[in-house]
Amino acid sequence: MMYGYAWDLTTPLTYAASILPILLIGLTVTLQAAAAGFALALVLGLVFALLRRSRIKAVALTTAFVVEFLRDTPLLVQLFFLYYVLPDYGITLPAFLTGVIALGLQYSAYTSEVYRGGIEAIPRGQWEAATALNMTRWQTYRDIVIPQMVPRIVPTMGNYLVAMLKETPVLSVVTVLEMLGLANMIGERTFEYLVPLSMVGIIFLLLTLICSAGIHRLEKVLPKAGIPLR
């Protein structure tokens, strides 16, 4: 990607301007990984939360163990397992997909707890009322639980999105050329790390501020009483 690229090291500003296009390519990969990983975490987290409420004790206990395992083991260990161990058993995944799966698995453990807390915050009387009205389990979740749960969990889910975004540089250890990985490659070729790493830090700061502002805005937009689904 960078062979033959002209770096202008005359001043820090010209150096920054010359490497910005490369870092923006890495930024695209960073955003794609965070978006895909968080989408996976939201889906898996909801599945785990519902399975933990299963009336079948074995299912609930097994799910609780899986969630605890994912939450209590480092992301880097999970990433290395997917990237280096699975190929020994005939399962080889692209580096980017491996990173997305690792992020999704790790954060699904956290989002499942958020979902579970949101579900359990619904007063027991509302569950009993739904039963008395002969509502199905799906109708209960659609019309009663989810509309009240979503506004409550948005702030915490938003915090996890920001946290995942800041963890994407870990993917560089399995050759994913995200923003930090490209900054390191630039430093290796120019022997000057201060500018590229400082730029990465500033970009992450701006991303975090933008995400936080968006989440705060979303909190105000969502009605406190719940979201009508129909």
C-alpha atoms as a PDB file:
ATOM      1  CA  MET A   1       0.000   0.000   0.000  1.00  0.00           C
ATOM      2  CA  MET A   2       2.748   2.442   0.922  1.00  0.00           C
ATOM      3  CA  TYR A   3       5.691   1.370  -1.224  1.00  0.00           C
ATOM      4  CA  GLY A   4       6.777   4.285  -3.392  1.00  0.00           C
ATOM      5  CA  TYR A   5       4.621   6.725  -1.428  1.00  0.00           C
ATOM      6  CA  ALA A   6       6.164  10.199  -1.104  1.00  0.00           C
ATOM      7  CA  TRP A   7       6.445  11.353   2.490  1.00  0.00           C
ATOM      8  CA  ASP A   8       7.051  15.062   3.076  1.00  0.00           C
ATOM      9  CA  LEU A   9       9.081  15.319   6.283  1.00  0.00           C
ATOM     10  CA  THR A  10       9.952  19.003   5.844  1.00  0.00           C
ATOM     11  CA  THR A  11       7.789  20.088   8.788  1.00  0.00           C
ATOM     12  CA  PRO A  12       5.356  18.286  11.107  1.00  0.00           C
ATOM     13  CA  LEU A  13       2.436  19.894   9.252  1.00  0.00           C
ATOM     14  CA  THR A  14       3.579  18.792   5.801  1.00  0.00           C
ATOM     15  CA  TYR A  15       4.310  15.334   7.196  1.00  0.00           C
ATOM     16  CA  ALA A  16       0.811  15.170   8.706  1.00  0.00           C
ATOM     17  CA  ALA A  17      -0.758  16.302   5.435  1.00  0.00           C
ATOM     18  CA  SER A  18       1.161  13.689   3.444  1.00  0.00           C
ATOM     19  CA  ILE A  19       0.116  10.769   5.661  1.00  0.00           C
ATOM     20  CA  LEU A  20      -3.493  11.833   6.231  1.00  0.00           C
ATOM     21  CA  PRO A  21      -4.863  10.007   3.135  1.00  0.00           C
ATOM     22  CA  ILE A  22      -3.318   6.739   4.352  1.00  0.00           C
ATOM     23  CA  LEU A  23      -4.732   7.181   7.859  1.00  0.00           C
ATOM     24  CA  LEU A  24      -8.178   7.887   6.419  1.00  0.00           C
ATOM     25  CA  ILE A  25      -8.057   4.504   4.691  1.00  0.00           C
ATOM     26  CA  GLY A  26      -7.313   2.973   8.087  1.00  0.00           C
ATOM     27  CA  LEU A  27     -10.133   5.003   9.618  1.00  0.00           C
ATOM     28  CA  THR A  28     -12.568   3.412   7.170  1.00  0.00           C
ATOM     29  CA  VAL A  29     -11.457  -0.050   8.277  1.00  0.00           C
ATOM     30  CA  THR A  30     -11.710   0.998  11.933  1.00  0.00           C
ATOM     31  CA  LEU A  31     -15.283   2.220  11.509  1.00  0.00           C
ATOM     32  CA  GLN A  32     -16.304  -0.864   9.535  1.00  0.00           C
ATOM     33  CA  ALA A  33     -14.874  -3.190  12.181  1.00  0.00           C
ATOM     34  CA  ALA A  34     -16.547  -1.300  15.027  1.00  0.00           C
ATOM     35  CA  ALA A  35     -19.923  -1.145  13.260  1.00  0.00           C
ATOM     36  CA  ALA A  36     -19.928  -4.822  12.267  1.00  0.00           C
ATOM     37  CA  GLY A  37     -18.611  -5.947  15.647  1.00  0.00           C
ATOM     38  CA  PHE A  38     -21.194  -3.949  17.563  1.00  0.00           C
ATOM     39  CA  ALA A  39     -24.040  -5.185  15.363  1.00  0.00           C
ATOM     40  CA  LEU A  40     -22.930  -8.750  16.109  1.00  0.00           C
ATOM     41  CA  ALA A  41     -22.670  -7.940  19.822  1.00  0.00           C
ATOM     42  CA  LEU A  42     -26.216  -6.544  19.872  1.00  0.00           C
ATOM     43  CA  VAL A  43     -27.680  -9.643  18.209  1.00  0.00           C
ATOM     44  CA  LEU A  44     -25.705 -12.214  20.210  1.00  0.00           C
ATOM     45  CA  GLY A  45     -26.261 -10.272  23.428  1.00  0.00           C
ATOM     46  CA  LEU A  46     -30.023 -10.391  22.952  1.00  0.00           C
ATOM     47  CA  VAL A  47     -29.882 -14.127  22.215  1.00  0.00           C
ATOM     48  CA  PHE A  48     -27.823 -14.738  25.356  1.00  0.00           C
ATOM     49  CA  ALA A  49     -30.160 -12.595  27.467  1.00  0.00           C
ATOM     50  CA  LEU A  50     -33.222 -14.528  26.299  1.00  0.00           C
ATOM     51  CA  LEU A  51     -31.529 -17.907  26.735  1.00  0.00           C
ATOM     52  CA  ARG A  52     -30.594 -17.003  30.306  1.00  0.00           C
ATOM     53  CA  ARG A  53     -34.294 -16.533  30.989  1.00  0.00           C
ATOM     54  CA  SER A  54     -35.073 -19.997  29.637  1.00  0.00           C
ATOM     55  CA  ARG A  55     -37.224 -22.235  31.801  1.00  0.00           C
ATOM     56  CA  ILE A  56     -34.843 -25.089  30.959  1.00  0.00           C
ATOM     57  CA  LYS A  57     -32.258 -24.891  33.718  1.00  0.00           C
ATOM     58  CA  ALA A  58     -29.469 -26.522  31.679  1.00  0.00           C
ATOM     59  CA  VAL A  59     -29.863 -23.917  28.925  1.00  0.00           C
ATOM     60  CA  ALA A  60     -29.868 -21.018  31.380  1.00  0.00           C
ATOM     61  CA  LEU A  61     -26.795 -22.300  33.263  1.00  0.00           C
ATOM     62  CA  THR A  62     -24.845 -23.064  30.088  1.00  0.00           C
ATOM     63  CA  THR A  63     -25.574 -19.607  28.706  1.00  0.00           C
ATOM     64  CA  ALA A  64     -24.537 -17.996  31.992  1.00  0.00           C
ATOM     65  CA  PHE A  65     -21.223 -19.878  31.837  1.00  0.00           C
ATOM     66  CA  VAL A  66     -20.583 -18.809  28.226  1.00  0.00           C
ATOM     67  CA  VAL A  67     -21.325 -15.171  29.041  1.00  0.00           C
ATOM     68  CA  GLU A  68     -19.056 -15.253  32.088  1.00  0.00           C
ATOM     69  CA  PHE A  69     -16.263 -16.890  30.089  1.00  0.00           C
ATOM     70  CA  LEU A  70     -16.447 -14.304  27.313  1.00  0.00           C
ATOM     71  CA  ARG A  71     -16.558 -11.442  29.788  1.00  0.00           C
ATOM     72  CA  ASP A  72     -13.703 -12.657  31.986  1.00  0.00           C
ATOM     73  CA  THR A  73     -11.152 -13.581  29.304  1.00  0.00           C
ATOM     74  CA  PRO A  74      -9.073 -10.937  27.487  1.00  0.00           C
ATOM     75  CA  LEU A  75     -10.087  -9.839  24.013  1.00  0.00           C
ATOM     76  CA  LEU A  76      -6.551 -10.501  22.787  1.00  0.00           C
ATOM     77  CA  VAL A  77      -6.717 -14.144  23.915  1.00  0.00           C
ATOM     78  CA  GLN A  78     -10.020 -14.637  22.109  1.00  0.00           C
ATOM     79  CA  LEU A  79      -8.619 -12.943  19.003  1.00  0.00           C
ATOM     80  CA  PHE A  80      -5.496 -15.131  18.966  1.00  0.00           C
ATOM     81  CA  PHE A  81      -7.615 -18.253  19.506  1.00  0.00           C
ATOM     82  CA  LEU A  82      -9.778 -17.470  16.484  1.00  0.00           C
ATOM     83  CA  TYR A  83      -6.846 -16.462  14.288  1.00  0.00           C
ATOM     84  CA  TYR A  84      -4.197 -19.031  15.238  1.00  0.00           C
ATOM     85  CA  VAL A  85      -6.003 -22.027  16.765  1.00  0.00           C
ATOM     86  CA  LEU A  86      -9.001 -22.485  14.457  1.00  0.00           C
ATOM     87  CA  PRO A  87      -6.820 -22.986  11.336  1.00  0.00           C
ATOM     88  CA  ASP A  88      -5.336 -26.070  13.042  1.00  0.00           C
ATOM     89  CA  TYR A  89      -8.829 -27.562  12.830  1.00  0.00           C
ATOM     90  CA  GLY A  90      -9.463 -26.583   9.235  1.00  0.00           C
ATOM     91  CA  ILE A  91     -11.266 -23.296   9.930  1.00  0.00           C
ATOM     92  CA  THR A  92      -9.452 -20.339   8.396  1.00  0.00           C
ATOM     93  CA  LEU A  93     -11.117 -16.941   8.423  1.00  0.00           C
ATOM     94  CA  PRO A  94      -9.969 -13.634   6.886  1.00  0.00           C
ATOM     95  CA  ALA A  95      -8.216 -11.369   9.373  1.00  0.00           C
ATOM     96  CA  PHE A  96     -10.918  -8.694   9.232  1.00  0.00           C
ATOM     97  CA  LEU A  97     -13.731 -11.200   9.794  1.00  0.00           C
ATOM     98  CA  THR A  98     -11.772 -12.760  12.651  1.00  0.00           C
ATOM     99  CA  GLY A  99     -11.460  -9.351  14.288  1.00  0.00           C
ATOM    100  CA  VAL A 100     -15.156  -8.592  13.886  1.00  0.00           C
ATOM    101  CA  ILE A 101     -16.135 -11.947  15.412  1.00  0.00           C
ATOM    102  CA  ALA A 102     -13.736 -11.454  18.331  1.00  0.00           C
ATOM    103  CA  LEU A 103     -15.119  -7.986  19.061  1.00  0.00           C
ATOM    104  CA  GLY A 104     -18.695  -9.218  18.716  1.00  0.00           C
ATOM    105  CA  LEU A 105     -18.181 -12.193  21.028  1.00  0.00           C
ATOM    106  CA  GLN A 106     -16.401 -10.161  23.695  1.00  0.00           C
ATOM    107  CA  TYR A 107     -18.985  -7.391  23.794  1.00  0.00           C
ATOM    108  CA  SER A 108     -21.983  -9.702  23.453  1.00  0.00           C
ATOM    109  CA  ALA A 109     -21.241 -10.739  27.030  1.00  0.00           C
ATOM    110  CA  TYR A 110     -21.618  -7.123  28.143  1.00  0.00           C
ATOM    111  CA  THR A 111     -24.652  -6.311  26.016  1.00  0.00           C
ATOM    112  CA  SER A 112     -26.421  -9.460  27.245  1.00  0.00           C
ATOM    113  CA  GLU A 113     -26.180  -8.139  30.802  1.00  0.00           C
ATOM    114  CA  VAL A 114     -27.556  -4.783  29.678  1.00  0.00           C
ATOM    115  CA  TYR A 115     -30.486  -6.487  27.956  1.00  0.00           C
ATOM    116  CA  ARG A 116     -31.080  -8.691  30.985  1.00  0.00           C
ATOM    117  CA  GLY A 117     -31.106  -5.704  33.310  1.00  0.00           C
ATOM    118  CA  GLY A 118     -33.522  -3.868  31.028  1.00  0.00           C
ATOM    119  CA  ILE A 119     -35.867  -6.850  30.867  1.00  0.00           C
ATOM    120  CA  GLU A 120     -35.796  -7.462  34.609  1.00  0.00           C
ATOM    121  CA  ALA A 121     -36.528  -3.782  35.259  1.00  0.00           C
ATOM    122  CA  ILE A 122     -40.039  -4.281  33.872  1.00  0.00           C
ATOM    123  CA  PRO A 123     -42.419  -4.524  36.883  1.00  0.00           C
ATOM    124  CA  ARG A 124     -43.669  -8.043  37.541  1.00  0.00           C
ATOM    125  CA  GLY A 125     -47.239  -6.782  37.451  1.00  0.00           C
ATOM    126  CA  GLN A 126     -46.907  -6.003  33.746  1.00  0.00           C
ATOM    127  CA  TRP A 127     -45.820  -9.565  32.992  1.00  0.00           C
ATOM    128  CA  GLU A 128     -48.790 -10.860  34.963  1.00  0.00           C
ATOM    129  CA  ALA A 129     -51.138  -8.489  33.140  1.00  0.00           C
ATOM    130  CA  ALA A 130     -49.842  -9.749  29.789  1.00  0.00           C
ATOM    131  CA  THR A 131     -50.495 -13.321  30.889  1.00  0.00           C
ATOM    132  CA  ALA A 132     -54.003 -12.404  32.037  1.00  0.00           C
ATOM    133  CA  LEU A 133     -54.679 -10.891  28.596  1.00  0.00           C
ATOM    134  CA  ASN A 134     -53.530 -14.136  26.938  1.00  0.00           C
ATOM    135  CA  MET A 135     -50.699 -12.356  25.151  1.00  0.00           C
ATOM    136  CA  THR A 136     -48.074 -14.592  23.592  1.00  0.00           C
ATOM    137  CA  ARG A 137     -44.445 -14.328  24.695  1.00  0.00           C
ATOM    138  CA  TRP A 138     -43.597 -12.476  21.458  1.00  0.00           C
ATOM    139  CA  GLN A 139     -46.498 -10.042  21.931  1.00  0.00           C
ATOM    140  CA  THR A 140     -45.392  -9.386  25.497  1.00  0.00           C
ATOM    141  CA  TYR A 141     -41.864  -8.527  24.406  1.00  0.00           C
ATOM    142  CA  ARG A 142     -43.003  -6.503  21.370  1.00  0.00           C
ATOM    143  CA  ASP A 143     -45.755  -4.450  22.999  1.00  0.00           C
ATOM    144  CA  ILE A 144     -44.648  -4.187  26.625  1.00  0.00           C
ATOM    145  CA  VAL A 145     -41.014  -5.085  27.270  1.00  0.00           C
ATOM    146  CA  ILE A 146     -39.043  -3.693  24.323  1.00  0.00           C
ATOM    147  CA  PRO A 147     -40.728  -0.247  24.167  1.00  0.00           C
ATOM    148  CA  GLN A 148     -39.848   0.336  27.829  1.00  0.00           C
ATOM    149  CA  MET A 149     -36.452  -1.366  27.731  1.00  0.00           C
ATOM    150  CA  VAL A 150     -34.834   0.451  24.804  1.00  0.00           C
ATOM    151  CA  PRO A 151     -34.750   3.995  26.265  1.00  0.00           C
ATOM    152  CA  ARG A 152     -33.261   2.591  29.479  1.00  0.00           C
ATOM    153  CA  ILE A 153     -30.412   0.706  27.822  1.00  0.00           C
ATOM    154  CA  VAL A 154     -29.355   3.270  25.200  1.00  0.00           C
ATOM    155  CA  PRO A 155     -26.827   5.113  27.438  1.00  0.00           C
ATOM    156  CA  THR A 156     -25.047   1.925  28.510  1.00  0.00           C
ATOM    157  CA  MET A 157     -25.082   0.455  25.011  1.00  0.00           C
ATOM    158  CA  GLY A 158     -23.639   3.714  23.735  1.00  0.00           C
ATOM    159  CA  ASN A 159     -20.798   3.490  26.230  1.00  0.00           C
ATOM    160  CA  TYR A 160     -19.986  -0.011  25.003  1.00  0.00           C
ATOM    161  CA  LEU A 161     -20.001   1.193  21.394  1.00  0.00           C
ATOM    162  CA  VAL A 162     -17.422   3.841  22.268  1.00  0.00           C
ATOM    163  CA  ALA A 163     -15.375   1.277  24.200  1.00  0.00           C
ATOM    164  CA  MET A 164     -15.404  -1.122  21.244  1.00  0.00           C
ATOM    165  CA  LEU A 165     -14.371   1.654  18.874  1.00  0.00           C
ATOM    166  CA  LYS A 166     -11.327   2.339  21.047  1.00  0.00           C
ATOM    167  CA  GLU A 167     -10.425  -1.363  21.121  1.00  0.00           C
ATOM    168  CA  THR A 168     -10.257  -1.790  17.342  1.00  0.00           C
ATOM    169  CA  PRO A 169      -6.465  -1.096  17.293  1.00  0.00           C
ATOM    170  CA  VAL A 170      -6.049  -4.562  18.842  1.00  0.00           C
ATOM    171  CA  LEU A 171      -6.957  -5.994  15.427  1.00  0.00           C
ATOM    172  CA  SER A 172      -3.632  -4.793  14.043  1.00  0.00           C
ATOM    173  CA  VAL A 173      -1.918  -7.741  15.785  1.00  0.00           C
ATOM    174  CA  VAL A 174      -3.640 -10.107  13.330  1.00  0.00           C
ATOM    175  CA  THR A 175      -2.649  -8.011  10.284  1.00  0.00           C
ATOM    176  CA  VAL A 176      -5.849  -5.962  10.001  1.00  0.00           C
ATOM    177  CA  LEU A 177      -4.695  -2.637   8.549  1.00  0.00           C
ATOM    178  CA  GLU A 178      -6.823  -0.350  10.652  1.00  0.00           C
ATOM    179  CA  MET A 179      -5.748   3.136  11.641  1.00  0.00           C
ATOM    180  CA  LEU A 180      -3.146   2.334  14.315  1.00  0.00           C
ATOM    181  CA  GLY A 181      -1.657  -0.471  12.242  1.00  0.00           C
ATOM    182  CA  LEU A 182      -1.121   1.899   9.322  1.00  0.00           C
ATOM    183  CA  ALA A 183       0.322   4.565  11.633  1.00  0.00           C
ATOM    184  CA  ASN A 184       2.888   2.054  12.893  1.00  0.00           C
ATOM    185  CA  MET A 185       3.776   1.067   9.331  1.00  0.00           C
ATOM    186  CA  ILE A 186       4.276   4.727   8.440  1.00  0.00           C
ATOM    187  CA  GLY A 187       6.527   5.158  11.467  1.00  0.00           C
ATOM    188  CA  GLU A 188       8.590   2.114  10.485  1.00  0.00           C
ATOM    189  CA  ARG A 189       9.221   3.554   7.029  1.00  0.00           C
ATOM    190  CA  THR A 190       9.916   7.149   8.051  1.00  0.00           C
ATOM    191  CA  PHE A 191      11.485   6.503  11.482  1.00  0.00           C
ATOM    192  CA  GLU A 192       9.198   9.210  12.852  1.00  0.00           C
ATOM    193  CA  TYR A 193       6.340   8.066  15.081  1.00  0.00           C
ATOM    194  CA  LEU A 194       5.242  11.217  16.905  1.00  0.00           C
ATOM    195  CA  VAL A 195       3.091  12.705  14.143  1.00  0.00           C
ATOM    196  CA  PRO A 196       1.264   9.547  12.947  1.00  0.00           C
ATOM    197  CA  LEU A 197       0.534   8.295  16.460  1.00  0.00           C
ATOM    198  CA  SER A 198      -0.557  11.765  17.597  1.00  0.00           C
ATOM    199  CA  MET A 199      -2.895  11.985  14.617  1.00  0.00           C
ATOM    200  CA  VAL A 200      -4.414   8.609  15.462  1.00  0.00           C
ATOM    201  CA  GLY A 201      -4.982   9.769  19.036  1.00  0.00           C
ATOM    202  CA  ILE A 202      -6.654  12.981  17.870  1.00  0.00           C
ATOM    203  CA  ILE A 203      -8.881  11.125  15.397  1.00  0.00           C
ATOM    204  CA  PHE A 204      -9.988   8.682  18.092  1.00  0.00           C
ATOM    205  CA  LEU A 205     -10.707  11.594  20.425  1.00  0.00           C
ATOM    206  CA  LEU A 206     -12.889  13.245  17.779  1.00  0.00           C
ATOM    207  CA  LEU A 207     -14.696   9.970  17.063  1.00  0.00           C
ATOM    208  CA  THR A 208     -15.393   9.450  20.751  1.00  0.00           C
ATOM    209  CA  LEU A 209     -16.740  12.978  21.176  1.00  0.00           C
ATOM    210  CA  ILE A 210     -18.972  12.614  18.105  1.00  0.00           C
ATOM    211  CA  CYS A 211     -20.320   9.244  19.276  1.00  0.00           C
ATOM    212  CA  SER A 212     -20.949  10.547  22.789  1.00  0.00           C
ATOM    213  CA  ALA A 213     -22.813  13.579  21.435  1.00  0.00           C
ATOM    214  CA  GLY A 214     -24.905  11.353  19.173  1.00  0.00           C
ATOM    215  CA  ILE A 215     -25.797   9.028  22.027  1.00  0.00           C
ATOM    216  CA  HIS A 216     -26.713  11.960  24.253  1.00  0.00           C
ATOM    217  CA  ARG A 217     -28.944  13.315  21.492  1.00  0.00           C
ATOM    218  CA  LEU A 218     -30.580   9.912  21.033  1.00  0.00           C
ATOM    219  CA  GLU A 219     -31.360   9.751  24.755  1.00  0.00           C
ATOM    220  CA  LYS A 220     -33.311  13.000  24.442  1.00  0.00           C
ATOM    221  CA  VAL A 221     -35.146  11.919  21.302  1.00  0.00           C
ATOM    222  CA  LEU A 222     -36.367   8.588  22.668  1.00  0.00           C
ATOM    223  CA  PRO A 223     -39.562   9.005  24.688  1.00  0.00           C
ATOM    224  CA  LYS A 224     -39.078   8.077  28.306  1.00  0.00           C
ATOM    225  CA  ALA A 225     -42.345   6.182  28.387  1.00  0.00           C
ATOM    226  CA  GLY A 226     -41.242   3.845  25.616  1.00  0.00           C
ATOM    227  CA  ILE A 227     -41.051   3.468  21.855  1.00  0.00           C
ATOM    228  CA  PRO A 228     -44.241   2.545  20.032  1.00  0.00           C
ATOM    229  CA  LEU A 229     -43.443  -0.301  17.627  1.00  0.00           C
ATOM    230  CA  ARG A 230     -46.650  -0.023  15.623  1.00  0.00           C
END
